[in-house]
Amino acid sequence: MEIFKIKLPGPYTTVQDRGRYGYQQFGIPPAGALDLFSYQIANLLVGNKEDAAVLETTIMGLEIEIMGEADLAVTGAEAAITLNNHPVRSWSSFRVKMGDVVKLGPVKSGCRNYIGVTGGIDVPVVMGSRSCYIGAKIGGYNGRILGKGDVLKRGSGSLLSRPRHLSENLIPAYPSEILLRAVPGPQDSYFEEGIKTFFESQFVVSTYANRMGYRLEGPPILHREGAEKSIISEPSLIGGVQVPPDGQAIILLVEQTVGGYTKIATVISSDIERLSQAKPGDKIRFESTKLEKAHVFCREQRERLQVIRDGLERNA
């Protein structure tokens, strides 16, 4: 069923779901939505399963013409949303019909928005996922970012009996100064003073920030004297903080498979959603945490999502 016609695509709008796992050994990264919380809530708000495909926009928003009746929800970064030039709330569902025009403005805070639609975005499943990975031109809409005139379909799904919305107290804030919790390692032994610099300094998100990773600018993170600045390439993890020879850290994200630079720390999974909403110019600090605490934060995150899920289902 045709649902969207792209009138203005924004600079980097793609189709994403939870991601494509099990293919890193073949050079295929997971891809998928960067901010999993906003992604999951966008689906819950329109009554989808949480692994349905959505649109992920970056910084500048988009404009779409509606080609069929459906429920929509926009989550993520703070941005103005209009339906036929009338404001609508983010983090809430709203009904659209053929001929309507939905506009999503530039972000006011945060970086990425997620647009969920009844039934999810219907594009071919490639290696178990609908996520777009532009590096290999697979998944999503013909393996590329969306362009003007593209027409997307939605899957089958039932319209809501009443609108849904997320409580104000559960909506994340996206400040321009961000604290990220990180577990030292796996190559923290390659650093001495560099560890202190990493955890006690402020860094700025550079313009080299995308779905592969965020390069930071700040005081150089120095390797221990005599330590190698590169290692034998090994599989990368989302959140790994590489330190290349120039000492400017790079936080790896969802479109990376291997890396050969030493990794001073790993941002915990619970904070990736916060990182993914950072934009160039935002400031980042790191706080050291233990692996056991990271597990606690992960459980708390899952419990928070379950509370939201239960609440939306009760009020359906």
C-alpha atoms as a PDB file:
ATOM      1  CA  MET A   1       0.000   0.000   0.000  1.00  0.00           C
ATOM      2  CA  GLU A   2       1.572   3.317  -1.071  1.00  0.00           C
ATOM      3  CA  ILE A   3       1.769   5.705   1.879  1.00  0.00           C
ATOM      4  CA  PHE A   4       4.414   8.426   1.380  1.00  0.00           C
ATOM      5  CA  LYS A   5       5.601  10.521  -1.517  1.00  0.00           C
ATOM      6  CA  ILE A   6       8.745  12.424  -0.655  1.00  0.00           C
ATOM      7  CA  LYS A   7       8.377  16.114  -1.529  1.00  0.00           C
ATOM      8  CA  LEU A   8      11.514  17.309   0.294  1.00  0.00           C
ATOM      9  CA  PRO A   9      13.767  14.518   1.614  1.00  0.00           C
ATOM     10  CA  GLY A  10      16.092  16.334   3.988  1.00  0.00           C
ATOM     11  CA  PRO A  11      19.852  15.809   3.754  1.00  0.00           C
ATOM     12  CA  TYR A  12      20.043  12.239   5.084  1.00  0.00           C
ATOM     13  CA  THR A  13      16.781  10.338   5.421  1.00  0.00           C
ATOM     14  CA  THR A  14      16.874   6.541   5.349  1.00  0.00           C
ATOM     15  CA  VAL A  15      14.719   3.529   6.179  1.00  0.00           C
ATOM     16  CA  GLN A  16      15.909   1.764   9.346  1.00  0.00           C
ATOM     17  CA  ASP A  17      14.796  -0.997  11.688  1.00  0.00           C
ATOM     18  CA  ARG A  18      16.571  -2.773  14.575  1.00  0.00           C
ATOM     19  CA  GLY A  19      19.503  -3.702  12.348  1.00  0.00           C
ATOM     20  CA  ARG A  20      21.161  -6.535  10.471  1.00  0.00           C
ATOM     21  CA  TYR A  21      23.078  -8.913  12.713  1.00  0.00           C
ATOM     22  CA  GLY A  22      25.264 -11.929  12.001  1.00  0.00           C
ATOM     23  CA  TYR A  23      27.128 -10.640   8.946  1.00  0.00           C
ATOM     24  CA  GLN A  24      30.038  -8.626  10.347  1.00  0.00           C
ATOM     25  CA  GLN A  25      32.481 -11.375   9.347  1.00  0.00           C
ATOM     26  CA  PHE A  26      31.500 -10.630   5.760  1.00  0.00           C
ATOM     27  CA  GLY A  27      32.039  -6.894   6.139  1.00  0.00           C
ATOM     28  CA  ILE A  28      28.350  -6.055   6.630  1.00  0.00           C
ATOM     29  CA  PRO A  29      27.732  -3.914   9.743  1.00  0.00           C
ATOM     30  CA  PRO A  30      24.444  -4.008  11.661  1.00  0.00           C
ATOM     31  CA  ALA A  31      23.237  -0.550  10.565  1.00  0.00           C
ATOM     32  CA  GLY A  32      19.724   0.049  11.986  1.00  0.00           C
ATOM     33  CA  ALA A  33      18.279   2.944  13.977  1.00  0.00           C
ATOM     34  CA  LEU A  34      20.912   4.812  15.969  1.00  0.00           C
ATOM     35  CA  ASP A  35      18.539   5.925  18.727  1.00  0.00           C
ATOM     36  CA  LEU A  36      16.804   2.663  19.587  1.00  0.00           C
ATOM     37  CA  PHE A  37      14.601   4.227  22.259  1.00  0.00           C
ATOM     38  CA  SER A  38      13.082   6.804  19.905  1.00  0.00           C
ATOM     39  CA  TYR A  39      12.796   4.129  17.216  1.00  0.00           C
ATOM     40  CA  GLN A  40      10.921   1.703  19.458  1.00  0.00           C
ATOM     41  CA  ILE A  41       8.577   4.365  20.811  1.00  0.00           C
ATOM     42  CA  ALA A  42       7.743   5.554  17.278  1.00  0.00           C
ATOM     43  CA  ASN A  43       6.529   2.036  16.534  1.00  0.00           C
ATOM     44  CA  LEU A  44       4.666   1.566  19.813  1.00  0.00           C
ATOM     45  CA  LEU A  45       2.820   4.850  19.321  1.00  0.00           C
ATOM     46  CA  VAL A  46       1.300   3.633  16.032  1.00  0.00           C
ATOM     47  CA  GLY A  47       0.597   0.096  17.251  1.00  0.00           C
ATOM     48  CA  ASN A  48       3.432  -1.661  15.422  1.00  0.00           C
ATOM     49  CA  LYS A  49       5.730  -4.398  16.575  1.00  0.00           C
ATOM     50  CA  GLU A  50       8.931  -2.802  17.827  1.00  0.00           C
ATOM     51  CA  ASP A  51      11.043  -4.149  14.944  1.00  0.00           C
ATOM     52  CA  ALA A  52       9.022  -2.477  12.161  1.00  0.00           C
ATOM     53  CA  ALA A  53      10.880  -0.191   9.773  1.00  0.00           C
ATOM     54  CA  VAL A  54      10.687   3.594  10.188  1.00  0.00           C
ATOM     55  CA  LEU A  55      12.210   6.678   8.601  1.00  0.00           C
ATOM     56  CA  GLU A  56      15.286   8.145  10.277  1.00  0.00           C
ATOM     57  CA  THR A  57      15.949  11.813   9.485  1.00  0.00           C
ATOM     58  CA  THR A  58      19.018  13.872  10.302  1.00  0.00           C
ATOM     59  CA  ILE A  59      19.036  17.517  11.451  1.00  0.00           C
ATOM     60  CA  MET A  60      16.928  19.128   8.693  1.00  0.00           C
ATOM     61  CA  GLY A  61      13.674  17.122   8.638  1.00  0.00           C
ATOM     62  CA  LEU A  62      11.574  16.489   5.513  1.00  0.00           C
ATOM     63  CA  GLU A  63       8.233  17.034   3.788  1.00  0.00           C
ATOM     64  CA  ILE A  64       5.974  14.169   2.699  1.00  0.00           C
ATOM     65  CA  GLU A  65       2.659  13.846   0.880  1.00  0.00           C
ATOM     66  CA  ILE A  66       0.343  11.205   2.287  1.00  0.00           C
ATOM     67  CA  MET A  67      -1.049   8.657  -0.174  1.00  0.00           C
ATOM     68  CA  GLY A  68      -3.311   6.620   2.109  1.00  0.00           C
ATOM     69  CA  GLU A  69      -4.908   6.577   5.548  1.00  0.00           C
ATOM     70  CA  ALA A  70      -2.602   5.701   8.445  1.00  0.00           C
ATOM     71  CA  ASP A  71      -1.418   6.696  11.901  1.00  0.00           C
ATOM     72  CA  LEU A  72       1.928   8.471  12.171  1.00  0.00           C
ATOM     73  CA  ALA A  73       4.204   9.330  15.070  1.00  0.00           C
ATOM     74  CA  VAL A  74       7.392  11.389  15.179  1.00  0.00           C
ATOM     75  CA  THR A  75       9.902  10.874  17.994  1.00  0.00           C
ATOM     76  CA  GLY A  76      13.488  11.850  18.695  1.00  0.00           C
ATOM     77  CA  ALA A  77      14.943  15.331  18.325  1.00  0.00           C
ATOM     78  CA  GLU A  78      12.903  18.404  19.204  1.00  0.00           C
ATOM     79  CA  ALA A  79      11.521  19.815  15.943  1.00  0.00           C
ATOM     80  CA  ALA A  80       8.350  21.498  14.684  1.00  0.00           C
ATOM     81  CA  ILE A  81       5.836  19.121  13.058  1.00  0.00           C
ATOM     82  CA  THR A  82       2.860  20.251  10.993  1.00  0.00           C
ATOM     83  CA  LEU A  83      -0.053  18.461   9.342  1.00  0.00           C
ATOM     84  CA  ASN A  84      -1.462  20.633   6.543  1.00  0.00           C
ATOM     85  CA  ASN A  85       0.367  23.576   8.166  1.00  0.00           C
ATOM     86  CA  HIS A  86      -1.248  22.941  11.587  1.00  0.00           C
ATOM     87  CA  PRO A  87       1.078  22.006  14.479  1.00  0.00           C
ATOM     88  CA  VAL A  88       0.995  18.461  15.845  1.00  0.00           C
ATOM     89  CA  ARG A  89       2.746  17.021  18.890  1.00  0.00           C
ATOM     90  CA  SER A  90       5.852  14.914  18.757  1.00  0.00           C
ATOM     91  CA  TRP A  91       5.916  11.659  20.728  1.00  0.00           C
ATOM     92  CA  SER A  92       2.210  11.258  19.871  1.00  0.00           C
ATOM     93  CA  SER A  93       0.263   9.493  17.145  1.00  0.00           C
ATOM     94  CA  PHE A  94      -1.900  11.407  14.671  1.00  0.00           C
ATOM     95  CA  ARG A  95      -4.162  10.266  11.834  1.00  0.00           C
ATOM     96  CA  VAL A  96      -3.376  11.160   8.215  1.00  0.00           C
ATOM     97  CA  LYS A  97      -5.302  10.593   4.997  1.00  0.00           C
ATOM     98  CA  MET A  98      -4.702  10.845   1.268  1.00  0.00           C
ATOM     99  CA  GLY A  99      -3.583  14.294   0.142  1.00  0.00           C
ATOM    100  CA  ASP A 100      -2.347  15.438   3.548  1.00  0.00           C
ATOM    101  CA  VAL A 101       1.088  17.034   3.793  1.00  0.00           C
ATOM    102  CA  VAL A 102       3.326  16.441   6.806  1.00  0.00           C
ATOM    103  CA  LYS A 103       6.337  18.670   7.396  1.00  0.00           C
ATOM    104  CA  LEU A 104       9.134  18.087   9.871  1.00  0.00           C
ATOM    105  CA  GLY A 105      11.269  21.164  10.504  1.00  0.00           C
ATOM    106  CA  PRO A 106      14.951  21.514  11.412  1.00  0.00           C
ATOM    107  CA  VAL A 107      15.940  20.231  14.839  1.00  0.00           C
ATOM    108  CA  LYS A 108      15.950  22.620  17.777  1.00  0.00           C
ATOM    109  CA  SER A 109      17.774  20.168  20.016  1.00  0.00           C
ATOM    110  CA  GLY A 110      18.987  16.671  19.293  1.00  0.00           C
ATOM    111  CA  CYS A 111      19.965  15.381  15.864  1.00  0.00           C
ATOM    112  CA  ARG A 112      17.680  12.615  14.589  1.00  0.00           C
ATOM    113  CA  ASN A 113      13.948  12.013  14.249  1.00  0.00           C
ATOM    114  CA  TYR A 114      12.056   8.772  13.743  1.00  0.00           C
ATOM    115  CA  ILE A 115       8.786   8.555  11.818  1.00  0.00           C
ATOM    116  CA  GLY A 116       6.664   5.501  12.520  1.00  0.00           C
ATOM    117  CA  VAL A 117       3.653   4.582  10.375  1.00  0.00           C
ATOM    118  CA  THR A 118       0.911   1.963  10.657  1.00  0.00           C
ATOM    119  CA  GLY A 119       2.337  -1.367   9.437  1.00  0.00           C
ATOM    120  CA  GLY A 120       5.897  -0.050   9.145  1.00  0.00           C
ATOM    121  CA  ILE A 121       7.778   0.993   6.017  1.00  0.00           C
ATOM    122  CA  ASP A 122       7.516  -1.858   3.502  1.00  0.00           C
ATOM    123  CA  VAL A 123      10.810  -2.366   1.695  1.00  0.00           C
ATOM    124  CA  PRO A 124      12.531  -5.672   0.842  1.00  0.00           C
ATOM    125  CA  VAL A 125      14.151  -7.630   3.657  1.00  0.00           C
ATOM    126  CA  VAL A 126      17.881  -8.080   2.974  1.00  0.00           C
ATOM    127  CA  MET A 127      19.828 -10.440   5.239  1.00  0.00           C
ATOM    128  CA  GLY A 128      17.043 -10.348   7.792  1.00  0.00           C
ATOM    129  CA  SER A 129      16.617  -6.579   7.944  1.00  0.00           C
ATOM    130  CA  ARG A 130      15.020  -3.658   6.103  1.00  0.00           C
ATOM    131  CA  SER A 131      17.728  -1.269   7.311  1.00  0.00           C
ATOM    132  CA  CYS A 132      19.561   0.810   4.748  1.00  0.00           C
ATOM    133  CA  TYR A 133      23.341   0.412   4.638  1.00  0.00           C
ATOM    134  CA  ILE A 134      24.541   2.914   2.089  1.00  0.00           C
ATOM    135  CA  GLY A 135      28.128   1.631   2.145  1.00  0.00           C
ATOM    136  CA  ALA A 136      27.029  -1.569   0.369  1.00  0.00           C
ATOM    137  CA  LYS A 137      23.891  -0.075  -1.235  1.00  0.00           C
ATOM    138  CA  ILE A 138      21.655  -2.660   0.394  1.00  0.00           C
ATOM    139  CA  GLY A 139      18.402  -2.517   2.345  1.00  0.00           C
ATOM    140  CA  GLY A 140      16.131   0.463   2.781  1.00  0.00           C
ATOM    141  CA  TYR A 141      14.870   2.180  -0.366  1.00  0.00           C
ATOM    142  CA  ASN A 142      17.117   0.809  -3.115  1.00  0.00           C
ATOM    143  CA  GLY A 143      20.083   0.960  -0.753  1.00  0.00           C
ATOM    144  CA  ARG A 144      20.244   4.762  -0.681  1.00  0.00           C
ATOM    145  CA  ILE A 145      19.083   7.894   1.091  1.00  0.00           C
ATOM    146  CA  LEU A 146      15.619   9.067   0.088  1.00  0.00           C
ATOM    147  CA  GLY A 147      15.223  11.587  -2.722  1.00  0.00           C
ATOM    148  CA  LYS A 148      12.522  13.894  -4.018  1.00  0.00           C
ATOM    149  CA  GLY A 149       9.695  11.984  -5.707  1.00  0.00           C
ATOM    150  CA  ASP A 150      10.384   8.629  -4.037  1.00  0.00           C
ATOM    151  CA  VAL A 151       7.223   6.717  -3.136  1.00  0.00           C
ATOM    152  CA  LEU A 152       7.220   4.346  -0.154  1.00  0.00           C
ATOM    153  CA  LYS A 153       4.759   1.651   0.825  1.00  0.00           C
ATOM    154  CA  ARG A 154       3.607   0.566   4.255  1.00  0.00           C
ATOM    155  CA  GLY A 155       2.900  -2.904   5.558  1.00  0.00           C
ATOM    156  CA  SER A 156      -0.473  -4.147   6.704  1.00  0.00           C
ATOM    157  CA  GLY A 157      -1.642  -2.964  10.090  1.00  0.00           C
ATOM    158  CA  SER A 158      -4.731  -1.800  11.944  1.00  0.00           C
ATOM    159  CA  LEU A 159      -5.503   1.835  12.632  1.00  0.00           C
ATOM    160  CA  LEU A 160      -5.628   2.866  16.273  1.00  0.00           C
ATOM    161  CA  SER A 161      -8.955   3.145  18.069  1.00  0.00           C
ATOM    162  CA  ARG A 162      -7.637   6.275  19.820  1.00  0.00           C
ATOM    163  CA  PRO A 163      -4.450   8.373  19.613  1.00  0.00           C
ATOM    164  CA  ARG A 164      -1.467   7.422  21.724  1.00  0.00           C
ATOM    165  CA  HIS A 165       1.096   9.675  23.342  1.00  0.00           C
ATOM    166  CA  LEU A 166       4.127   9.395  25.585  1.00  0.00           C
ATOM    167  CA  SER A 167       3.891  11.116  28.959  1.00  0.00           C
ATOM    168  CA  GLU A 168       5.832  14.379  29.125  1.00  0.00           C
ATOM    169  CA  ASN A 169       7.979  13.130  32.001  1.00  0.00           C
ATOM    170  CA  LEU A 170       9.228  10.228  29.864  1.00  0.00           C
ATOM    171  CA  ILE A 171      10.275  12.308  26.856  1.00  0.00           C
ATOM    172  CA  PRO A 172      14.088  12.607  26.714  1.00  0.00           C
ATOM    173  CA  ALA A 173      15.818  15.980  26.762  1.00  0.00           C
ATOM    174  CA  TYR A 174      18.691  16.588  24.346  1.00  0.00           C
ATOM    175  CA  PRO A 175      21.137  19.063  25.911  1.00  0.00           C
ATOM    176  CA  SER A 176      24.147  20.353  24.005  1.00  0.00           C
ATOM    177  CA  GLU A 177      26.437  19.106  26.793  1.00  0.00           C
ATOM    178  CA  ILE A 178      26.313  15.340  27.177  1.00  0.00           C
ATOM    179  CA  LEU A 179      27.734  12.954  29.763  1.00  0.00           C
ATOM    180  CA  LEU A 180      28.507   9.458  28.485  1.00  0.00           C
ATOM    181  CA  ARG A 181      29.277   6.561  30.778  1.00  0.00           C
ATOM    182  CA  ALA A 182      32.072   4.326  29.529  1.00  0.00           C
ATOM    183  CA  VAL A 183      33.835   1.156  30.641  1.00  0.00           C
ATOM    184  CA  PRO A 184      37.654   1.424  30.310  1.00  0.00           C
ATOM    185  CA  GLY A 185      39.167  -0.901  27.721  1.00  0.00           C
ATOM    186  CA  PRO A 186      39.719  -3.191  25.979  1.00  0.00           C
ATOM    187  CA  GLN A 187      43.114  -1.553  25.293  1.00  0.00           C
ATOM    188  CA  ASP A 188      43.209   0.855  28.234  1.00  0.00           C
ATOM    189  CA  SER A 189      46.625  -0.593  29.231  1.00  0.00           C
ATOM    190  CA  TYR A 190      48.081   1.253  26.206  1.00  0.00           C
ATOM    191  CA  PHE A 191      47.445   4.553  28.039  1.00  0.00           C
ATOM    192  CA  GLU A 192      48.570   6.194  31.289  1.00  0.00           C
ATOM    193  CA  GLU A 193      48.086   9.987  31.337  1.00  0.00           C
ATOM    194  CA  GLY A 194      45.764   9.452  28.370  1.00  0.00           C
ATOM    195  CA  ILE A 195      43.209   7.787  30.665  1.00  0.00           C
ATOM    196  CA  LYS A 196      43.139  10.878  32.873  1.00  0.00           C
ATOM    197  CA  THR A 197      42.805  13.144  29.846  1.00  0.00           C
ATOM    198  CA  PHE A 198      39.958  11.049  28.486  1.00  0.00           C
ATOM    199  CA  PHE A 199      37.861  11.014  31.648  1.00  0.00           C
ATOM    200  CA  GLU A 200      38.634  14.557  32.851  1.00  0.00           C
ATOM    201  CA  SER A 201      38.407  16.586  29.632  1.00  0.00           C
ATOM    202  CA  GLN A 202      35.611  18.032  27.534  1.00  0.00           C
ATOM    203  CA  PHE A 203      35.410  17.160  23.852  1.00  0.00           C
ATOM    204  CA  VAL A 204      33.462  18.660  20.955  1.00  0.00           C
ATOM    205  CA  VAL A 205      31.610  16.657  18.292  1.00  0.00           C
ATOM    206  CA  SER A 206      33.328  17.476  15.004  1.00  0.00           C
ATOM    207  CA  THR A 207      31.719  17.804  11.588  1.00  0.00           C
ATOM    208  CA  TYR A 208      32.983  14.269  10.909  1.00  0.00           C
ATOM    209  CA  ALA A 209      30.032  12.695  12.715  1.00  0.00           C
ATOM    210  CA  ASN A 210      27.834  10.159  10.951  1.00  0.00           C
ATOM    211  CA  ARG A 211      26.370   6.683  11.248  1.00  0.00           C
ATOM    212  CA  MET A 212      29.862   5.122  11.108  1.00  0.00           C
ATOM    213  CA  GLY A 213      31.138   7.077  14.069  1.00  0.00           C
ATOM    214  CA  TYR A 214      31.692  10.415  15.792  1.00  0.00           C
ATOM    215  CA  ARG A 215      35.129  12.033  15.620  1.00  0.00           C
ATOM    216  CA  LEU A 216      35.751  14.257  18.630  1.00  0.00           C
ATOM    217  CA  GLU A 217      37.948  17.323  18.973  1.00  0.00           C
ATOM    218  CA  GLY A 218      39.758  18.114  22.195  1.00  0.00           C
ATOM    219  CA  PRO A 219      43.040  17.691  24.052  1.00  0.00           C
ATOM    220  CA  PRO A 220      45.103  14.863  22.491  1.00  0.00           C
ATOM    221  CA  ILE A 221      44.765  11.530  24.281  1.00  0.00           C
ATOM    222  CA  LEU A 222      48.364  10.349  24.507  1.00  0.00           C
ATOM    223  CA  HIS A 223      49.433   6.709  24.398  1.00  0.00           C
ATOM    224  CA  ARG A 224      51.778   5.326  27.030  1.00  0.00           C
ATOM    225  CA  GLU A 225      55.413   5.794  26.048  1.00  0.00           C
ATOM    226  CA  GLY A 226      56.505   2.888  23.890  1.00  0.00           C
ATOM    227  CA  ALA A 227      52.981   1.589  23.380  1.00  0.00           C
ATOM    228  CA  GLU A 228      51.789   0.756  19.886  1.00  0.00           C
ATOM    229  CA  LYS A 229      49.272   3.203  18.479  1.00  0.00           C
ATOM    230  CA  SER A 230      47.711   0.559  16.265  1.00  0.00           C
ATOM    231  CA  ILE A 231      46.732  -3.051  16.849  1.00  0.00           C
ATOM    232  CA  ILE A 232      45.866  -5.989  14.639  1.00  0.00           C
ATOM    233  CA  SER A 233      42.414  -5.185  13.253  1.00  0.00           C
ATOM    234  CA  GLU A 234      39.648  -6.748  15.309  1.00  0.00           C
ATOM    235  CA  PRO A 235      35.837  -6.736  15.229  1.00  0.00           C
ATOM    236  CA  SER A 236      34.419  -3.429  16.423  1.00  0.00           C
ATOM    237  CA  LEU A 237      31.602  -2.866  18.876  1.00  0.00           C
ATOM    238  CA  ILE A 238      29.082  -0.041  18.881  1.00  0.00           C
ATOM    239  CA  GLY A 239      30.360   2.487  21.404  1.00  0.00           C
ATOM    240  CA  GLY A 240      34.039   1.553  21.142  1.00  0.00           C
ATOM    241  CA  VAL A 241      36.245   4.655  21.499  1.00  0.00           C
ATOM    242  CA  GLN A 242      39.225   4.417  19.163  1.00  0.00           C
ATOM    243  CA  VAL A 243      42.273   6.618  19.636  1.00  0.00           C
ATOM    244  CA  PRO A 244      44.261   7.028  16.400  1.00  0.00           C
ATOM    245  CA  PRO A 245      47.861   8.312  16.373  1.00  0.00           C
ATOM    246  CA  ASP A 246      46.729  11.975  16.375  1.00  0.00           C
ATOM    247  CA  GLY A 247      45.056  11.424  19.771  1.00  0.00           C
ATOM    248  CA  GLN A 248      41.601  12.613  18.625  1.00  0.00           C
ATOM    249  CA  ALA A 249      39.034  10.014  19.719  1.00  0.00           C
ATOM    250  CA  ILE A 250      36.458   8.379  17.432  1.00  0.00           C
ATOM    251  CA  ILE A 251      33.337   6.748  18.887  1.00  0.00           C
ATOM    252  CA  LEU A 252      32.307   3.835  16.651  1.00  0.00           C
ATOM    253  CA  LEU A 253      28.660   3.366  15.735  1.00  0.00           C
ATOM    254  CA  VAL A 254      26.439   1.078  13.674  1.00  0.00           C
ATOM    255  CA  GLU A 255      28.147   1.126  10.268  1.00  0.00           C
ATOM    256  CA  GLN A 256      31.586  -0.122  11.279  1.00  0.00           C
ATOM    257  CA  THR A 257      32.831  -3.723  11.263  1.00  0.00           C
ATOM    258  CA  VAL A 258      36.529  -3.748  12.194  1.00  0.00           C
ATOM    259  CA  GLY A 259      39.118  -1.354  13.562  1.00  0.00           C
ATOM    260  CA  GLY A 260      42.865  -1.304  13.987  1.00  0.00           C
ATOM    261  CA  TYR A 261      43.293   1.535  16.473  1.00  0.00           C
ATOM    262  CA  THR A 262      43.544   1.046  20.210  1.00  0.00           C
ATOM    263  CA  LYS A 263      40.253   1.487  22.070  1.00  0.00           C
ATOM    264  CA  ILE A 264      40.591   3.330  25.348  1.00  0.00           C
ATOM    265  CA  ALA A 265      37.009   2.709  26.481  1.00  0.00           C
ATOM    266  CA  THR A 266      33.555   1.570  25.405  1.00  0.00           C
ATOM    267  CA  VAL A 267      30.451   3.739  25.814  1.00  0.00           C
ATOM    268  CA  ILE A 268      27.774   1.636  27.511  1.00  0.00           C
ATOM    269  CA  SER A 269      24.855   0.524  25.353  1.00  0.00           C
ATOM    270  CA  SER A 270      22.347   2.454  27.501  1.00  0.00           C
ATOM    271  CA  ASP A 271      24.000   5.741  26.481  1.00  0.00           C
ATOM    272  CA  ILE A 272      24.187   5.174  22.725  1.00  0.00           C
ATOM    273  CA  GLU A 273      20.720   6.716  22.310  1.00  0.00           C
ATOM    274  CA  ARG A 274      22.025   9.863  24.024  1.00  0.00           C
ATOM    275  CA  LEU A 275      25.145   9.918  21.855  1.00  0.00           C
ATOM    276  CA  SER A 276      23.159   9.418  18.648  1.00  0.00           C
ATOM    277  CA  GLN A 277      21.266  12.662  19.307  1.00  0.00           C
ATOM    278  CA  ALA A 278      24.485  14.702  19.545  1.00  0.00           C
ATOM    279  CA  LYS A 279      25.232  16.985  16.611  1.00  0.00           C
ATOM    280  CA  PRO A 280      28.395  18.789  15.497  1.00  0.00           C
ATOM    281  CA  GLY A 281      29.364  21.422  18.040  1.00  0.00           C
ATOM    282  CA  ASP A 282      27.824  19.620  21.011  1.00  0.00           C
ATOM    283  CA  LYS A 283      30.122  18.933  23.959  1.00  0.00           C
ATOM    284  CA  ILE A 284      30.837  15.505  25.451  1.00  0.00           C
ATOM    285  CA  ARG A 285      32.387  14.330  28.695  1.00  0.00           C
ATOM    286  CA  PHE A 286      33.022  10.747  29.744  1.00  0.00           C
ATOM    287  CA  GLU A 287      32.445   9.138  33.135  1.00  0.00           C
ATOM    288  CA  SER A 288      34.173   5.896  34.048  1.00  0.00           C
ATOM    289  CA  THR A 289      31.874   3.069  35.094  1.00  0.00           C
ATOM    290  CA  LYS A 290      32.303  -0.615  35.819  1.00  0.00           C
ATOM    291  CA  LEU A 291      30.870  -3.393  33.681  1.00  0.00           C
ATOM    292  CA  GLU A 292      28.616  -4.513  36.532  1.00  0.00           C
ATOM    293  CA  LYS A 293      27.059  -1.051  36.713  1.00  0.00           C
ATOM    294  CA  ALA A 294      26.610  -1.034  32.940  1.00  0.00           C
ATOM    295  CA  HIS A 295      24.524  -4.209  33.303  1.00  0.00           C
ATOM    296  CA  VAL A 296      22.380  -2.460  35.927  1.00  0.00           C
ATOM    297  CA  PHE A 297      21.823   0.522  33.647  1.00  0.00           C
ATOM    298  CA  CYS A 298      20.872  -1.834  30.812  1.00  0.00           C
ATOM    299  CA  ARG A 299      18.288  -3.587  32.981  1.00  0.00           C
ATOM    300  CA  GLU A 300      16.877  -0.234  34.089  1.00  0.00           C
ATOM    301  CA  GLN A 301      16.562   0.824  30.463  1.00  0.00           C
ATOM    302  CA  ARG A 302      14.653  -2.362  29.604  1.00  0.00           C
ATOM    303  CA  GLU A 303      12.371  -1.884  32.614  1.00  0.00           C
ATOM    304  CA  ARG A 304      11.663   1.706  31.553  1.00  0.00           C
ATOM    305  CA  LEU A 305      10.663   0.517  28.090  1.00  0.00           C
ATOM    306  CA  GLN A 306       8.429  -2.199  29.557  1.00  0.00           C
ATOM    307  CA  VAL A 307       6.617   0.365  31.734  1.00  0.00           C
ATOM    308  CA  ILE A 308       5.983   2.481  28.621  1.00  0.00           C
ATOM    309  CA  ARG A 309       4.864  -0.545  26.624  1.00  0.00           C
ATOM    310  CA  ASP A 310       2.436  -1.642  29.343  1.00  0.00           C
ATOM    311  CA  GLY A 311       1.029   1.860  29.728  1.00  0.00           C
ATOM    312  CA  LEU A 312       0.378   2.321  26.005  1.00  0.00           C
ATOM    313  CA  GLU A 313      -1.277  -1.096  25.742  1.00  0.00           C
ATOM    314  CA  ARG A 314      -3.532  -0.401  28.749  1.00  0.00           C
ATOM    315  CA  ASN A 315      -4.720   2.831  27.180  1.00  0.00           C
ATOM    316  CA  ALA A 316      -5.175   1.419  23.671  1.00  0.00           C
END
